[in-house]
Each structure stands twice: as structure tokens, then as C-alpha cells.
Protein backbone atom coordinates (compact mmCIF):
# COMPACT_ATOMS: atom_id res chain seq x y z
CA TYR A 1 -85.80 -128.94 87.34
CA ALA A 2 -87.32 -126.95 84.58
CA ARG A 3 -90.68 -126.88 86.19
CA HIS A 4 -89.15 -125.52 89.34
CA CYS A 5 -87.45 -122.73 87.32
CA LEU A 6 -90.70 -121.89 85.45
CA GLU A 7 -92.58 -121.62 88.83
CA ASP A 8 -89.83 -119.27 90.07
CA CYS A 9 -90.10 -117.24 86.92
CA SER A 10 -93.82 -116.93 87.47
CA GLU A 11 -93.24 -115.62 90.96
CA LEU A 12 -90.58 -113.21 89.78
CA TYR A 13 -92.94 -111.88 87.00
CA SER A 14 -95.72 -111.44 89.58
CA GLY A 15 -93.47 -109.33 91.65
CA ALA A 16 -92.42 -107.36 88.73
CA GLY A 17 -96.08 -106.75 87.88
CA SER A 18 -96.52 -105.22 91.30
CA SER A 19 -93.46 -103.15 90.96
CA ILE A 20 -94.61 -101.86 87.62
CA GLN A 21 -98.06 -100.92 89.05
CA SER A 22 -96.38 -99.09 92.05
CA GLY A 23 -93.95 -97.36 89.68
CA GLY A 24 -96.83 -96.20 87.56
CA LYS A 25 -98.60 -94.65 90.58
CA ALA A 26 -95.52 -93.07 91.89
CA PHE A 27 -95.01 -91.56 88.46
CA GLU A 28 -98.53 -90.27 88.24
CA GLY A 29 -97.90 -88.78 91.66
CA LYS A 30 -94.63 -87.20 90.39
CA ASP A 31 -92.55 -89.16 92.73
CA TYR A 32 -89.98 -89.91 90.04
CA GLY A 33 -87.27 -91.40 92.16
CA THR A 34 -89.59 -94.02 93.43
CA ALA A 35 -91.04 -94.70 89.99
CA ASN A 36 -87.52 -95.16 88.58
CA ALA A 37 -86.59 -97.44 91.51
CA GLU A 38 -89.81 -99.60 90.94
CA ILE A 39 -89.31 -100.00 87.19
CA SER A 40 -85.62 -100.68 87.73
CA SER A 41 -86.44 -103.43 90.29
CA ALA A 42 -88.91 -105.07 87.77
CA MET A 43 -86.07 -105.34 85.29
CA ASP A 44 -84.42 -107.86 87.59
CA ALA A 45 -87.13 -110.52 86.94
CA PRO A 46 -86.30 -111.48 83.28
CA ASP A 47 -82.57 -111.61 84.25
CA THR A 48 -83.04 -113.73 87.25
CA CYS A 49 -85.41 -115.89 85.38
CA GLU A 50 -82.91 -116.52 82.65
CA GLU A 51 -80.03 -117.17 85.06
CA GLN A 52 -81.90 -119.95 86.90
CA PHE A 53 -81.90 -122.08 83.83
CA LYS A 54 -78.15 -121.61 83.43
CA GLU A 55 -77.37 -122.92 86.83
CA LYS A 56 -77.86 -126.54 85.87
CA LYS A 57 -75.89 -127.80 82.83
CA GLY A 58 -78.14 -129.02 79.95
CA TYR A 59 -81.11 -126.75 80.52
CA VAL A 60 -82.00 -124.06 78.31
CA SER A 61 -84.67 -121.37 79.18
CA PRO A 62 -87.80 -121.64 77.06
CA LEU A 63 -88.52 -117.94 77.99
CA THR A 64 -85.46 -116.31 76.58
CA LYS A 65 -87.27 -114.37 73.87
CA GLU A 66 -89.86 -113.32 76.39
CA ASN A 67 -87.41 -112.34 78.95
CA ASN A 68 -85.48 -110.20 76.49
CA ASN A 69 -88.74 -108.57 75.23
CA PHE A 70 -89.81 -107.78 78.77
CA PHE A 71 -86.44 -106.29 79.69
CA GLN A 72 -86.45 -104.14 76.58
CA LEU A 73 -89.92 -102.81 77.15
CA LEU A 74 -88.96 -101.77 80.72
CA ALA A 75 -85.83 -100.05 79.41
CA ILE A 76 -88.03 -98.04 77.00
CA ILE A 77 -90.37 -97.18 79.83
CA LEU A 78 -87.36 -95.96 81.97
CA SER A 79 -86.14 -93.95 78.80
CA PHE A 80 -89.54 -92.11 78.55
CA MET A 81 -89.65 -91.47 82.29
CA ASN A 82 -86.23 -89.87 82.16
CA LEU A 83 -87.37 -87.55 79.44
CA VAL A 84 -90.05 -86.03 81.67
CA PRO A 85 -88.86 -82.71 83.08
CA LYS A 86 -88.53 -82.77 86.77
């Protein structure tokens, strides 16, 4: 079960990476709404990854620290993006 969860987390983070790249390009193009949506979308990955391990009793995510760190980094990015005058 843990292996399945880790494989799902890998896919989630891969998708998050694509969202971050798209968000960065949108931000550079001053499409701030799309940039915000893409980064916000990437923030779902760590939460979904973490929740998978909680679905089956007795399993603990080995990625809790990394998931929290990733979420916080994305929150910081969103905060900086919101400081840019539009």
C-alpha cells in the first residue's frame, strides 16, 4: 500500500512541477490570474499526497516534512506574486 501511495505522490509532484513551470511563464507574461491559478493548483499535490496515507489505518506518510515544506514554499511564492502591482 505504501508503495502505491508513493507512486501516486510522484505523479502528483510531477504534475505540480508542470503547474509551477506554467505559472512561472504566465507570471513572466504578466498573466497574473493564470499564474496564481497554476501555483494554487500545485499546492494540492502535497496535501493530496499526505491524505492518501491517512486513508488506510496504520500507515504514516514518510513525506510529511517534505510535503509541508513544499506547501510552504508555494505559499511564499503566492505571497510574493500578490505583492506585484497589477
